[in-house]
C-alpha atoms as a PDB file:
ATOM      1  CA  MET A   1      55.058 -30.158 -63.103  1.00  0.00           C
ATOM      2  CA  SER A   2      53.132 -31.343 -60.782  1.00  0.00           C
ATOM      3  CA  SER A   3      49.013 -30.031 -60.013  1.00  0.00           C
ATOM      4  CA  ILE A   4      49.087 -31.506 -56.500  1.00  0.00           C
ATOM      5  CA  ALA A   5      49.871 -28.641 -54.000  1.00  0.00           C
ATOM      6  CA  PRO A   6      51.233 -29.456 -50.612  1.00  0.00           C
ATOM      7  CA  THR A   7      49.182 -30.004 -47.990  1.00  0.00           C
ATOM      8  CA  ALA A   8      49.807 -28.302 -44.226  1.00  0.00           C
ATOM      9  CA  PRO A   9      49.680 -31.019 -41.470  1.00  0.00           C
ATOM     10  CA  THR A  10      46.842 -30.528 -39.109  1.00  0.00           C
ATOM     11  CA  ALA A  11      46.789 -30.302 -35.514  1.00  0.00           C
ATOM     12  CA  THR A  12      44.065 -31.565 -34.126  1.00  0.00           C
ATOM     13  CA  ALA A  13      43.775 -33.132 -31.042  1.00  0.00           C
ATOM     14  CA  SER A  14      41.245 -36.238 -30.314  1.00  0.00           C
ATOM     15  CA  PRO A  15      38.221 -35.194 -28.710  1.00  0.00           C
ATOM     16  CA  SER A  16      39.313 -37.057 -25.086  1.00  0.00           C
ATOM     17  CA  TYR A  17      42.294 -34.723 -25.007  1.00  0.00           C
ATOM     18  CA  HIS A  18      39.784 -31.581 -25.213  1.00  0.00           C
ATOM     19  CA  SER A  19      37.713 -33.536 -22.450  1.00  0.00           C
ATOM     20  CA  VAL A  20      40.653 -33.544 -19.976  1.00  0.00           C
ATOM     21  CA  VAL A  21      41.848 -30.428 -20.706  1.00  0.00           C
ATOM     22  CA  THR A  22      38.282 -28.540 -20.214  1.00  0.00           C
ATOM     23  CA  LEU A  23      38.205 -30.543 -17.213  1.00  0.00           C
ATOM     24  CA  ILE A  24      41.547 -29.496 -15.981  1.00  0.00           C
ATOM     25  CA  GLY A  25      40.713 -25.880 -17.242  1.00  0.00           C
ATOM     26  CA  ARG A  26      37.640 -25.653 -15.369  1.00  0.00           C
ATOM     27  CA  LEU A  27      39.081 -27.469 -11.789  1.00  0.00           C
ATOM     28  CA  LEU A  28      41.845 -24.928 -12.157  1.00  0.00           C
ATOM     29  CA  ILE A  29      39.644 -21.920 -12.094  1.00  0.00           C
ATOM     30  CA  ALA A  30      36.929 -23.577  -9.175  1.00  0.00           C
ATOM     31  CA  ALA A  31      40.085 -24.008  -6.745  1.00  0.00           C
ATOM     32  CA  LEU A  32      40.767 -20.212  -6.846  1.00  0.00           C
ATOM     33  CA  PHE A  33      37.583 -19.470  -5.721  1.00  0.00           C
ATOM     34  CA  ILE A  34      36.738 -22.583  -3.527  1.00  0.00           C
ATOM     35  CA  ILE A  35      40.067 -21.555  -1.641  1.00  0.00           C
ATOM     36  CA  PHE A  36      39.352 -18.071  -1.031  1.00  0.00           C
ATOM     37  CA  GLY A  37      35.858 -19.292  -0.180  1.00  0.00           C
ATOM     38  CA  ILE A  38      37.429 -21.144   2.380  1.00  0.00           C
ATOM     39  CA  ARG A  39      40.283 -18.507   3.877  1.00  0.00           C
ATOM     40  CA  LYS A  40      37.208 -16.177   4.292  1.00  0.00           C
ATOM     41  CA  VAL A  41      35.326 -18.501   6.635  1.00  0.00           C
ATOM     42  CA  LEU A  42      39.079 -18.874   8.497  1.00  0.00           C
ATOM     43  CA  ALA A  43      39.217 -15.352   8.714  1.00  0.00           C
ATOM     44  CA  PHE A  44      35.653 -14.058   9.156  1.00  0.00           C
ATOM     45  CA  GLY A  45      36.503 -11.170  11.254  1.00  0.00           C
ATOM     46  CA  PHE A  46      39.462 -10.261   9.215  1.00  0.00           C
ATOM     47  CA  TYR A  47      37.394 -10.252   6.071  1.00  0.00           C
ATOM     48  CA  ALA A  48      34.906  -7.979   7.629  1.00  0.00           C
ATOM     49  CA  GLY A  49      37.096  -5.209   9.061  1.00  0.00           C
ATOM     50  CA  TYR A  50      38.626  -5.479   5.134  1.00  0.00           C
ATOM     51  CA  PHE A  51      34.997  -4.906   3.356  1.00  0.00           C
ATOM     52  CA  ALA A  52      33.889  -2.223   5.661  1.00  0.00           C
ATOM     53  CA  LYS A  53      37.569  -0.491   4.856  1.00  0.00           C
ATOM     54  CA  LEU A  54      36.558  -1.199   1.564  1.00  0.00           C
ATOM     55  CA  GLY A  55      33.082   0.809   2.033  1.00  0.00           C
ATOM     56  CA  PHE A  56      31.205  -2.088   1.766  1.00  0.00           C
ATOM     57  CA  PRO A  57      27.623  -1.901   3.155  1.00  0.00           C
ATOM     58  CA  ALA A  58      26.949  -4.485   6.022  1.00  0.00           C
ATOM     59  CA  PRO A  59      30.213  -5.726   5.942  1.00  0.00           C
ATOM     60  CA  GLU A  60      29.749  -9.198   7.252  1.00  0.00           C
ATOM     61  CA  VAL A  61      26.682  -9.691   5.175  1.00  0.00           C
ATOM     62  CA  MET A  62      28.695  -9.028   2.556  1.00  0.00           C
ATOM     63  CA  VAL A  63      31.441 -11.401   3.499  1.00  0.00           C
ATOM     64  CA  VAL A  64      29.411 -14.055   3.918  1.00  0.00           C
ATOM     65  CA  LEU A  65      27.227 -13.076   1.056  1.00  0.00           C
ATOM     66  CA  GLY A  66      31.345 -13.764  -1.017  1.00  0.00           C
ATOM     67  CA  LEU A  67      32.080 -16.869   0.581  1.00  0.00           C
ATOM     68  CA  LEU A  68      28.945 -18.421  -0.519  1.00  0.00           C
ATOM     69  CA  VAL A  69      28.981 -17.188  -4.147  1.00  0.00           C
ATOM     70  CA  GLU A  70      33.050 -18.254  -4.140  1.00  0.00           C
ATOM     71  CA  ILE A  71      32.322 -21.922  -2.495  1.00  0.00           C
ATOM     72  CA  VAL A  72      29.179 -22.949  -3.923  1.00  0.00           C
ATOM     73  CA  GLY A  73      29.824 -21.333  -7.537  1.00  0.00           C
ATOM     74  CA  GLY A  74      33.747 -22.587  -7.297  1.00  0.00           C
ATOM     75  CA  SER A  75      31.954 -26.283  -6.528  1.00  0.00           C
ATOM     76  CA  LEU A  76      29.616 -25.960  -9.049  1.00  0.00           C
ATOM     77  CA  LEU A  77      32.088 -24.866 -11.792  1.00  0.00           C
ATOM     78  CA  ALA A  78      34.224 -27.796 -10.364  1.00  0.00           C
ATOM     79  CA  ILE A  79      31.545 -30.546 -10.924  1.00  0.00           C
ATOM     80  CA  GLY A  80      30.296 -29.149 -14.182  1.00  0.00           C
ATOM     81  CA  TRP A  81      26.427 -28.394 -12.598  1.00  0.00           C
ATOM     82  CA  LYS A  82      24.752 -25.537 -13.374  1.00  0.00           C
ATOM     83  CA  THR A  83      28.109 -24.415 -14.804  1.00  0.00           C
ATOM     84  CA  ARG A  84      27.033 -21.090 -17.141  1.00  0.00           C
ATOM     85  CA  TRP A  85      25.112 -19.800 -14.186  1.00  0.00           C
ATOM     86  CA  ALA A  86      27.978 -20.366 -11.945  1.00  0.00           C
ATOM     87  CA  ALA A  87      30.191 -19.117 -14.455  1.00  0.00           C
ATOM     88  CA  TRP A  88      28.227 -15.895 -14.313  1.00  0.00           C
ATOM     89  CA  ALA A  89      27.947 -15.642 -10.978  1.00  0.00           C
ATOM     90  CA  LEU A  90      31.503 -15.885 -10.202  1.00  0.00           C
ATOM     91  CA  ILE A  91      31.593 -13.245 -13.509  1.00  0.00           C
ATOM     92  CA  ALA A  92      29.412 -10.868 -10.954  1.00  0.00           C
ATOM     93  CA  PHE A  93      31.338 -11.264  -8.171  1.00  0.00           C
ATOM     94  CA  THR A  94      34.872 -10.907  -9.691  1.00  0.00           C
ATOM     95  CA  VAL A  95      34.125  -7.812 -11.300  1.00  0.00           C
ATOM     96  CA  ILE A  96      32.419  -6.280  -8.122  1.00  0.00           C
ATOM     97  CA  ALA A  97      35.541  -7.432  -6.550  1.00  0.00           C
ATOM     98  CA  THR A  98      37.916  -6.167  -8.884  1.00  0.00           C
ATOM     99  CA  PHE A  99      36.451  -2.485  -9.015  1.00  0.00           C
ATOM    100  CA  MET A 100      36.030  -2.520  -5.011  1.00  0.00           C
ATOM    101  CA  ALA A 101      39.627  -3.974  -3.857  1.00  0.00           C
ATOM    102  CA  HIS A 102      41.575  -3.001  -6.961  1.00  0.00           C
ATOM    103  CA  ARG A 103      41.805   0.346  -7.927  1.00  0.00           C
ATOM    104  CA  TYR A 104      45.126   0.780  -8.700  1.00  0.00           C
ATOM    105  CA  TRP A 105      44.775   4.487 -10.095  1.00  0.00           C
ATOM    106  CA  GLU A 106      43.850   5.312  -6.376  1.00  0.00           C
ATOM    107  CA  PHE A 107      47.550   4.079  -5.545  1.00  0.00           C
ATOM    108  CA  ASP A 108      51.445   5.150  -5.798  1.00  0.00           C
ATOM    109  CA  GLY A 109      54.659   3.201  -5.947  1.00  0.00           C
ATOM    110  CA  ALA A 110      54.602  -0.385  -5.260  1.00  0.00           C
ATOM    111  CA  GLN A 111      51.117  -0.354  -4.250  1.00  0.00           C
ATOM    112  CA  TYR A 112      50.136   0.687  -7.484  1.00  0.00           C
ATOM    113  CA  ALA A 113      51.855  -2.149  -9.310  1.00  0.00           C
ATOM    114  CA  ALA A 114      50.592  -4.613  -6.420  1.00  0.00           C
ATOM    115  CA  GLN A 115      46.929  -3.736  -7.477  1.00  0.00           C
ATOM    116  CA  MET A 116      47.398  -3.070 -10.704  1.00  0.00           C
ATOM    117  CA  ILE A 117      48.390  -6.427 -11.395  1.00  0.00           C
ATOM    118  CA  ASN A 118      45.790  -7.664  -9.582  1.00  0.00           C
ATOM    119  CA  PHE A 119      42.993  -5.653 -11.313  1.00  0.00           C
ATOM    120  CA  TRP A 120      44.266  -7.308 -14.908  1.00  0.00           C
ATOM    121  CA  LYS A 121      44.819 -10.662 -13.186  1.00  0.00           C
ATOM    122  CA  ASN A 122      40.616 -10.609 -12.463  1.00  0.00           C
ATOM    123  CA  VAL A 123      40.174  -9.241 -15.955  1.00  0.00           C
ATOM    124  CA  THR A 124      42.138 -12.733 -17.286  1.00  0.00           C
ATOM    125  CA  ILE A 125      39.919 -14.613 -14.663  1.00  0.00           C
ATOM    126  CA  VAL A 126      36.840 -13.095 -15.820  1.00  0.00           C
ATOM    127  CA  GLY A 127      37.903 -13.784 -19.210  1.00  0.00           C
ATOM    128  CA  ALA A 128      38.234 -17.404 -18.400  1.00  0.00           C
ATOM    129  CA  LEU A 129      34.585 -17.381 -16.826  1.00  0.00           C
ATOM    130  CA  MET A 130      33.272 -16.068 -20.124  1.00  0.00           C
ATOM    131  CA  MET A 131      34.763 -18.539 -21.975  1.00  0.00           C
ATOM    132  CA  VAL A 132      33.201 -21.364 -19.476  1.00  0.00           C
ATOM    133  CA  ALA A 133      29.827 -19.376 -19.744  1.00  0.00           C
ATOM    134  CA  SER A 134      29.828 -19.316 -23.436  1.00  0.00           C
ATOM    135  CA  PHE A 135      31.027 -23.034 -24.302  1.00  0.00           C
ATOM    136  CA  GLY A 136      29.616 -24.936 -20.977  1.00  0.00           C
ATOM    137  CA  PRO A 137      31.508 -27.568 -18.972  1.00  0.00           C
ATOM    138  CA  GLY A 138      32.868 -30.225 -21.478  1.00  0.00           C
ATOM    139  CA  PRO A 139      31.554 -33.508 -21.709  1.00  0.00           C
ATOM    140  CA  ILE A 140      33.368 -34.680 -18.145  1.00  0.00           C
ATOM    141  CA  SER A 141      30.858 -32.934 -16.084  1.00  0.00           C
ATOM    142  CA  VAL A 142      27.589 -33.087 -14.425  1.00  0.00           C
ATOM    143  CA  ASP A 143      26.066 -31.053 -17.445  1.00  0.00           C
ATOM    144  CA  LYS A 144      27.318 -32.642 -20.256  1.00  0.00           C
ATOM    145  CA  SER A 145      26.580 -29.450 -22.205  1.00  0.00           C
END
């Protein structure tokens, strides 16, 4: 009888693999914010009206603030500079947007389902941003931390 216990295979990836995956993840998260920030620029009047309907004070100012957070924060996230600060700013933005625009408990039927999906997608985005805020941008970034 042998006293050598079998070892389980390890599934570790190379550091360069993790670097690339972290970069791609950061870029995908950033793209969401940059795209919707640009949409706010291109349809400013629509978003000002929508923000007013949601009950935001000074809706035009809130649209400008929102698009700045999305475009600047998303861009910082993409390049990996001041990444943790950008992630926290995007977290705050997303939490506010979620509770202002996706109060699914106030709706019925199909609208309930659509708002519930958007609410929980935003919660997931907050989770991803918390990972970035916690672990940093990864090695392929301006910050390098």
